[in-house]
Amino acid sequence: MTTTDSLRWFKSSYSSNGGQCIEVATNLVVSRGVVPVRDSKDQNGPALTFETAAWSSFVGAVKDGEFSA
């Protein structure tokens, strides 16, 4: 993703630092309408970008248990 905005990445407070985490940058939601997501183990690797509505739907589904193991 090419942008002049600096991304401010964060991990969930629920992350137990087990090495299987993602990081999210929410500071582009208002200016660009996207949520970048990356693998926390590969901070220089690629980031996927999701439209805000799609990311919100995904997070809601996770919270509702739709992806339980």
PDB file of N, CA and C in Angstrom:
ATOM      1  N   MET A   1       0.854  -1.172   0.000  1.00  0.00           N
ATOM      2  CA  MET A   1       0.000   0.000   0.000  1.00  0.00           C
ATOM      3  C   MET A   1       0.895   1.228   0.000  1.00  0.00           C
ATOM      4  N   THR A   2       0.686   2.117  -0.913  1.00  0.00           N
ATOM      5  CA  THR A   2       1.456   3.346  -0.972  1.00  0.00           C
ATOM      6  C   THR A   2       0.602   4.475  -0.434  1.00  0.00           C
ATOM      7  N   THR A   3       1.165   5.186   0.527  1.00  0.00           N
ATOM      8  CA  THR A   3       0.436   6.295   1.125  1.00  0.00           C
ATOM      9  C   THR A   3       1.420   7.275   1.731  1.00  0.00           C
ATOM     10  N   THR A   4       1.022   8.510   1.802  1.00  0.00           N
ATOM     11  CA  THR A   4       1.866   9.503   2.463  1.00  0.00           C
ATOM     12  C   THR A   4       1.523   9.588   3.943  1.00  0.00           C
ATOM     13  N   ASP A   5       0.434   8.950   4.353  1.00  0.00           N
ATOM     14  CA  ASP A   5       0.057   8.915   5.763  1.00  0.00           C
ATOM     15  C   ASP A   5       0.913   7.886   6.490  1.00  0.00           C
ATOM     16  N   SER A   6       1.382   8.242   7.688  1.00  0.00           N
ATOM     17  CA  SER A   6       2.105   7.274   8.509  1.00  0.00           C
ATOM     18  C   SER A   6       1.093   6.352   9.178  1.00  0.00           C
ATOM     19  N   LEU A   7       1.321   5.073   9.040  1.00  0.00           N
ATOM     20  CA  LEU A   7       0.417   4.117   9.649  1.00  0.00           C
ATOM     21  C   LEU A   7       0.792   3.934  11.115  1.00  0.00           C
ATOM     22  N   ARG A   8      -0.204   3.916  11.965  1.00  0.00           N
ATOM     23  CA  ARG A   8       0.004   3.693  13.397  1.00  0.00           C
ATOM     24  C   ARG A   8      -0.577   2.328  13.739  1.00  0.00           C
ATOM     25  N   TRP A   9       0.302   1.342  13.805  1.00  0.00           N
ATOM     26  CA  TRP A   9      -0.083  -0.044  13.997  1.00  0.00           C
ATOM     27  C   TRP A   9      -0.313  -0.352  15.466  1.00  0.00           C
ATOM     28  N   PHE A  10      -1.271  -1.256  15.744  1.00  0.00           N
ATOM     29  CA  PHE A  10      -1.454  -1.745  17.108  1.00  0.00           C
ATOM     30  C   PHE A  10      -1.941  -3.180  17.076  1.00  0.00           C
ATOM     31  N   LYS A  11      -1.656  -3.888  18.168  1.00  0.00           N
ATOM     32  CA  LYS A  11      -2.133  -5.253  18.374  1.00  0.00           C
ATOM     33  C   LYS A  11      -3.240  -5.217  19.403  1.00  0.00           C
ATOM     34  N   SER A  12      -4.138  -6.161  19.326  1.00  0.00           N
ATOM     35  CA  SER A  12      -5.221  -6.268  20.290  1.00  0.00           C
ATOM     36  C   SER A  12      -4.675  -6.469  21.694  1.00  0.00           C
ATOM     37  N   SER A  13      -5.359  -5.905  22.659  1.00  0.00           N
ATOM     38  CA  SER A  13      -4.979  -6.128  24.053  1.00  0.00           C
ATOM     39  C   SER A  13      -5.232  -7.575  24.455  1.00  0.00           C
ATOM     40  N   TYR A  14      -6.005  -8.316  23.663  1.00  0.00           N
ATOM     41  CA  TYR A  14      -6.263  -9.726  23.915  1.00  0.00           C
ATOM     42  C   TYR A  14      -5.133 -10.618  23.405  1.00  0.00           C
ATOM     43  N   SER A  15      -4.205 -10.027  22.669  1.00  0.00           N
ATOM     44  CA  SER A  15      -3.087 -10.789  22.128  1.00  0.00           C
ATOM     45  C   SER A  15      -2.181 -11.239  23.267  1.00  0.00           C
ATOM     46  N   SER A  16      -1.891 -12.535  23.314  1.00  0.00           N
ATOM     47  CA  SER A  16      -1.044 -13.053  24.388  1.00  0.00           C
ATOM     48  C   SER A  16       0.408 -13.170  23.955  1.00  0.00           C
ATOM     49  N   ASN A  17       0.761 -12.505  22.874  1.00  0.00           N
ATOM     50  CA  ASN A  17       2.124 -12.517  22.344  1.00  0.00           C
ATOM     51  C   ASN A  17       2.570 -13.933  22.013  1.00  0.00           C
ATOM     52  N   GLY A  18       1.648 -14.750  21.524  1.00  0.00           N
ATOM     53  CA  GLY A  18       1.968 -16.116  21.159  1.00  0.00           C
ATOM     54  C   GLY A  18       2.537 -16.247  19.760  1.00  0.00           C
ATOM     55  N   GLY A  19       2.729 -15.148  19.071  1.00  0.00           N
ATOM     56  CA  GLY A  19       3.332 -15.183  17.751  1.00  0.00           C
ATOM     57  C   GLY A  19       2.362 -15.324  16.598  1.00  0.00           C
ATOM     58  N   GLN A  20       1.070 -15.426  16.878  1.00  0.00           N
ATOM     59  CA  GLN A  20       0.091 -15.561  15.806  1.00  0.00           C
ATOM     60  C   GLN A  20      -0.860 -14.373  15.838  1.00  0.00           C
ATOM     61  N   CYS A  21      -0.295 -13.195  15.717  1.00  0.00           N
ATOM     62  CA  CYS A  21      -1.082 -11.972  15.862  1.00  0.00           C
ATOM     63  C   CYS A  21      -1.114 -11.189  14.560  1.00  0.00           C
ATOM     64  N   ILE A  22      -2.104 -10.354  14.466  1.00  0.00           N
ATOM     65  CA  ILE A  22      -2.137  -9.368  13.392  1.00  0.00           C
ATOM     66  C   ILE A  22      -2.067  -7.996  14.031  1.00  0.00           C
ATOM     67  N   GLU A  23      -1.680  -7.033  13.233  1.00  0.00           N
ATOM     68  CA  GLU A  23      -1.699  -5.639  13.658  1.00  0.00           C
ATOM     69  C   GLU A  23      -2.615  -4.884  12.718  1.00  0.00           C
ATOM     70  N   VAL A  24      -3.277  -3.886  13.250  1.00  0.00           N
ATOM     71  CA  VAL A  24      -4.247  -3.101  12.504  1.00  0.00           C
ATOM     72  C   VAL A  24      -3.873  -1.631  12.623  1.00  0.00           C
ATOM     73  N   ALA A  25      -4.041  -0.885  11.556  1.00  0.00           N
ATOM     74  CA  ALA A  25      -3.838   0.558  11.586  1.00  0.00           C
ATOM     75  C   ALA A  25      -5.179   1.218  11.279  1.00  0.00           C
ATOM     76  N   THR A  26      -5.754   1.877  12.264  1.00  0.00           N
ATOM     77  CA  THR A  26      -7.081   2.468  12.073  1.00  0.00           C
ATOM     78  C   THR A  26      -7.039   3.938  11.696  1.00  0.00           C
ATOM     79  N   ASN A  27      -5.850   4.507  11.580  1.00  0.00           N
ATOM     80  CA  ASN A  27      -5.788   5.939  11.319  1.00  0.00           C
ATOM     81  C   ASN A  27      -6.096   6.322   9.868  1.00  0.00           C
ATOM     82  N   LEU A  28      -6.401   5.362   9.005  1.00  0.00           N
ATOM     83  CA  LEU A  28      -6.799   5.691   7.626  1.00  0.00           C
ATOM     84  C   LEU A  28      -8.298   5.540   7.406  1.00  0.00           C
ATOM     85  N   VAL A  29      -9.036   5.197   8.461  1.00  0.00           N
ATOM     86  CA  VAL A  29     -10.476   4.983   8.336  1.00  0.00           C
ATOM     87  C   VAL A  29     -11.170   6.245   7.836  1.00  0.00           C
ATOM     88  N   VAL A  30     -10.908   7.353   8.459  1.00  0.00           N
ATOM     89  CA  VAL A  30     -11.595   8.598   8.089  1.00  0.00           C
ATOM     90  C   VAL A  30     -11.062   9.159   6.771  1.00  0.00           C
ATOM     91  N   SER A  31      -9.746   9.226   6.609  1.00  0.00           N
ATOM     92  CA  SER A  31      -9.182   9.882   5.422  1.00  0.00           C
ATOM     93  C   SER A  31      -9.289   9.046   4.148  1.00  0.00           C
ATOM     94  N   ARG A  32      -9.260   7.708   4.262  1.00  0.00           N
ATOM     95  CA  ARG A  32      -9.243   6.865   3.064  1.00  0.00           C
ATOM     96  C   ARG A  32     -10.312   5.775   3.043  1.00  0.00           C
ATOM     97  N   GLY A  33     -10.976   5.560   4.184  1.00  0.00           N
ATOM     98  CA  GLY A  33     -12.034   4.552   4.242  1.00  0.00           C
ATOM     99  C   GLY A  33     -11.546   3.120   4.216  1.00  0.00           C
ATOM    100  N   VAL A  34     -10.294   2.902   4.651  1.00  0.00           N
ATOM    101  CA  VAL A  34      -9.734   1.557   4.658  1.00  0.00           C
ATOM    102  C   VAL A  34      -9.080   1.246   6.002  1.00  0.00           C
ATOM    103  N   VAL A  35      -8.956  -0.067   6.264  1.00  0.00           N
ATOM    104  CA  VAL A  35      -8.271  -0.555   7.462  1.00  0.00           C
ATOM    105  C   VAL A  35      -7.153  -1.482   6.993  1.00  0.00           C
ATOM    106  N   PRO A  36      -5.886  -1.060   7.110  1.00  0.00           N
ATOM    107  CA  PRO A  36      -4.765  -1.944   6.770  1.00  0.00           C
ATOM    108  C   PRO A  36      -4.538  -2.967   7.884  1.00  0.00           C
ATOM    109  N   VAL A  37      -4.194  -4.194   7.484  1.00  0.00           N
ATOM    110  CA  VAL A  37      -3.947  -5.292   8.421  1.00  0.00           C
ATOM    111  C   VAL A  37      -2.669  -5.992   7.960  1.00  0.00           C
ATOM    112  N   ARG A  38      -1.795  -6.331   8.945  1.00  0.00           N
ATOM    113  CA  ARG A  38      -0.556  -7.026   8.598  1.00  0.00           C
ATOM    114  C   ARG A  38      -0.233  -8.095   9.641  1.00  0.00           C
ATOM    115  N   ASP A  39       0.659  -8.993   9.274  1.00  0.00           N
ATOM    116  CA  ASP A  39       1.162 -10.031  10.161  1.00  0.00           C
ATOM    117  C   ASP A  39       2.166  -9.384  11.109  1.00  0.00           C
ATOM    118  N   SER A  40       1.964  -9.542  12.403  1.00  0.00           N
ATOM    119  CA  SER A  40       2.851  -8.885  13.364  1.00  0.00           C
ATOM    120  C   SER A  40       4.268  -9.453  13.331  1.00  0.00           C
ATOM    121  N   LYS A  41       4.443 -10.672  12.819  1.00  0.00           N
ATOM    122  CA  LYS A  41       5.774 -11.266  12.735  1.00  0.00           C
ATOM    123  C   LYS A  41       6.562 -10.727  11.553  1.00  0.00           C
ATOM    124  N   ASP A  42       5.903 -10.130  10.581  1.00  0.00           N
ATOM    125  CA  ASP A  42       6.552  -9.634   9.367  1.00  0.00           C
ATOM    126  C   ASP A  42       6.169  -8.171   9.151  1.00  0.00           C
ATOM    127  N   GLN A  43       6.696  -7.317   9.992  1.00  0.00           N
ATOM    128  CA  GLN A  43       6.301  -5.909   9.961  1.00  0.00           C
ATOM    129  C   GLN A  43       6.720  -5.187   8.688  1.00  0.00           C
ATOM    130  N   ASN A  44       7.652  -5.733   7.943  1.00  0.00           N
ATOM    131  CA  ASN A  44       8.048  -5.129   6.676  1.00  0.00           C
ATOM    132  C   ASN A  44       7.368  -5.811   5.494  1.00  0.00           C
ATOM    133  N   GLY A  45       6.541  -6.785   5.789  1.00  0.00           N
ATOM    134  CA  GLY A  45       5.837  -7.511   4.733  1.00  0.00           C
ATOM    135  C   GLY A  45       4.625  -6.752   4.242  1.00  0.00           C
ATOM    136  N   PRO A  46       3.845  -7.402   3.412  1.00  0.00           N
ATOM    137  CA  PRO A  46       2.674  -6.746   2.830  1.00  0.00           C
ATOM    138  C   PRO A  46       1.565  -6.527   3.858  1.00  0.00           C
ATOM    139  N   ALA A  47       0.739  -5.567   3.559  1.00  0.00           N
ATOM    140  CA  ALA A  47      -0.460  -5.305   4.361  1.00  0.00           C
ATOM    141  C   ALA A  47      -1.670  -5.460   3.455  1.00  0.00           C
ATOM    142  N   LEU A  48      -2.693  -6.085   3.980  1.00  0.00           N
ATOM    143  CA  LEU A  48      -3.964  -6.165   3.268  1.00  0.00           C
ATOM    144  C   LEU A  48      -4.796  -4.967   3.685  1.00  0.00           C
ATOM    145  N   THR A  49      -5.560  -4.421   2.778  1.00  0.00           N
ATOM    146  CA  THR A  49      -6.440  -3.314   3.135  1.00  0.00           C
ATOM    147  C   THR A  49      -7.887  -3.742   2.901  1.00  0.00           C
ATOM    148  N   PHE A  50      -8.710  -3.423   3.879  1.00  0.00           N
ATOM    149  CA  PHE A  50     -10.125  -3.750   3.824  1.00  0.00           C
ATOM    150  C   PHE A  50     -10.941  -2.473   3.901  1.00  0.00           C
ATOM    151  N   GLU A  51     -12.009  -2.413   3.141  1.00  0.00           N
ATOM    152  CA  GLU A  51     -12.921  -1.281   3.284  1.00  0.00           C
ATOM    153  C   GLU A  51     -13.477  -1.309   4.693  1.00  0.00           C
ATOM    154  N   THR A  52     -13.746  -0.139   5.235  1.00  0.00           N
ATOM    155  CA  THR A  52     -14.184  -0.015   6.623  1.00  0.00           C
ATOM    156  C   THR A  52     -15.406  -0.873   6.929  1.00  0.00           C
ATOM    157  N   ALA A  53     -16.385  -0.886   6.057  1.00  0.00           N
ATOM    158  CA  ALA A  53     -17.605  -1.677   6.295  1.00  0.00           C
ATOM    159  C   ALA A  53     -17.296  -3.170   6.331  1.00  0.00           C
ATOM    160  N   ALA A  54     -16.420  -3.630   5.447  1.00  0.00           N
ATOM    161  CA  ALA A  54     -16.052  -5.044   5.425  1.00  0.00           C
ATOM    162  C   ALA A  54     -15.314  -5.433   6.702  1.00  0.00           C
ATOM    163  N   TRP A  55     -14.400  -4.593   7.156  1.00  0.00           N
ATOM    164  CA  TRP A  55     -13.659  -4.870   8.390  1.00  0.00           C
ATOM    165  C   TRP A  55     -14.616  -4.897   9.588  1.00  0.00           C
ATOM    166  N   SER A  56     -15.527  -3.954   9.639  1.00  0.00           N
ATOM    167  CA  SER A  56     -16.500  -3.915  10.742  1.00  0.00           C
ATOM    168  C   SER A  56     -17.363  -5.177  10.752  1.00  0.00           C
ATOM    169  N   SER A  57     -17.776  -5.637   9.586  1.00  0.00           N
ATOM    170  CA  SER A  57     -18.564  -6.869   9.492  1.00  0.00           C
ATOM    171  C   SER A  57     -17.767  -8.064   9.982  1.00  0.00           C
ATOM    172  N   PHE A  58     -16.511  -8.141   9.597  1.00  0.00           N
ATOM    173  CA  PHE A  58     -15.650  -9.238  10.029  1.00  0.00           C
ATOM    174  C   PHE A  58     -15.478  -9.233  11.548  1.00  0.00           C
ATOM    175  N   VAL A  59     -15.155  -8.081  12.115  1.00  0.00           N
ATOM    176  CA  VAL A  59     -14.973  -7.978  13.565  1.00  0.00           C
ATOM    177  C   VAL A  59     -16.264  -8.353  14.297  1.00  0.00           C
ATOM    178  N   GLY A  60     -17.392  -7.896  13.788  1.00  0.00           N
ATOM    179  CA  GLY A  60     -18.673  -8.248  14.398  1.00  0.00           C
ATOM    180  C   GLY A  60     -18.927  -9.743  14.370  1.00  0.00           C
ATOM    181  N   ALA A  61     -18.590 -10.398  13.252  1.00  0.00           N
ATOM    182  CA  ALA A  61     -18.772 -11.845  13.132  1.00  0.00           C
ATOM    183  C   ALA A  61     -17.867 -12.597  14.109  1.00  0.00           C
ATOM    184  N   VAL A  62     -16.648 -12.114  14.280  1.00  0.00           N
ATOM    185  CA  VAL A  62     -15.737 -12.730  15.248  1.00  0.00           C
ATOM    186  C   VAL A  62     -16.308 -12.606  16.653  1.00  0.00           C
ATOM    187  N   LYS A  63     -16.763 -11.419  16.998  1.00  0.00           N
ATOM    188  CA  LYS A  63     -17.326 -11.195  18.333  1.00  0.00           C
ATOM    189  C   LYS A  63     -18.576 -12.040  18.574  1.00  0.00           C
ATOM    190  N   ASP A  64     -19.327 -12.312  17.508  1.00  0.00           N
ATOM    191  CA  ASP A  64     -20.553 -13.116  17.633  1.00  0.00           C
ATOM    192  C   ASP A  64     -20.264 -14.626  17.609  1.00  0.00           C
ATOM    193  N   GLY A  65     -18.986 -15.007  17.482  1.00  0.00           N
ATOM    194  CA  GLY A  65     -18.613 -16.415  17.508  1.00  0.00           C
ATOM    195  C   GLY A  65     -18.811 -17.167  16.218  1.00  0.00           C
ATOM    196  N   GLU A  66     -18.945 -16.461  15.118  1.00  0.00           N
ATOM    197  CA  GLU A  66     -19.180 -17.127  13.838  1.00  0.00           C
ATOM    198  C   GLU A  66     -17.976 -17.911  13.334  1.00  0.00           C
ATOM    199  N   PHE A  67     -16.804 -17.684  13.912  1.00  0.00           N
ATOM    200  CA  PHE A  67     -15.595 -18.373  13.467  1.00  0.00           C
ATOM    201  C   PHE A  67     -14.998 -19.221  14.589  1.00  0.00           C
ATOM    202  N   SER A  68     -15.827 -19.731  15.462  1.00  0.00           N
ATOM    203  CA  SER A  68     -15.315 -20.522  16.584  1.00  0.00           C
ATOM    204  C   SER A  68     -14.675 -21.802  16.088  1.00  0.00           C
ATOM    205  N   ALA A  69     -13.671 -22.251  16.811  1.00  0.00           N
ATOM    206  CA  ALA A  69     -12.907 -23.439  16.403  1.00  0.00           C
ATOM    207  C   ALA A  69     -13.578 -24.719  16.831  1.00  0.00           C
TER     208      ALA A  69
END
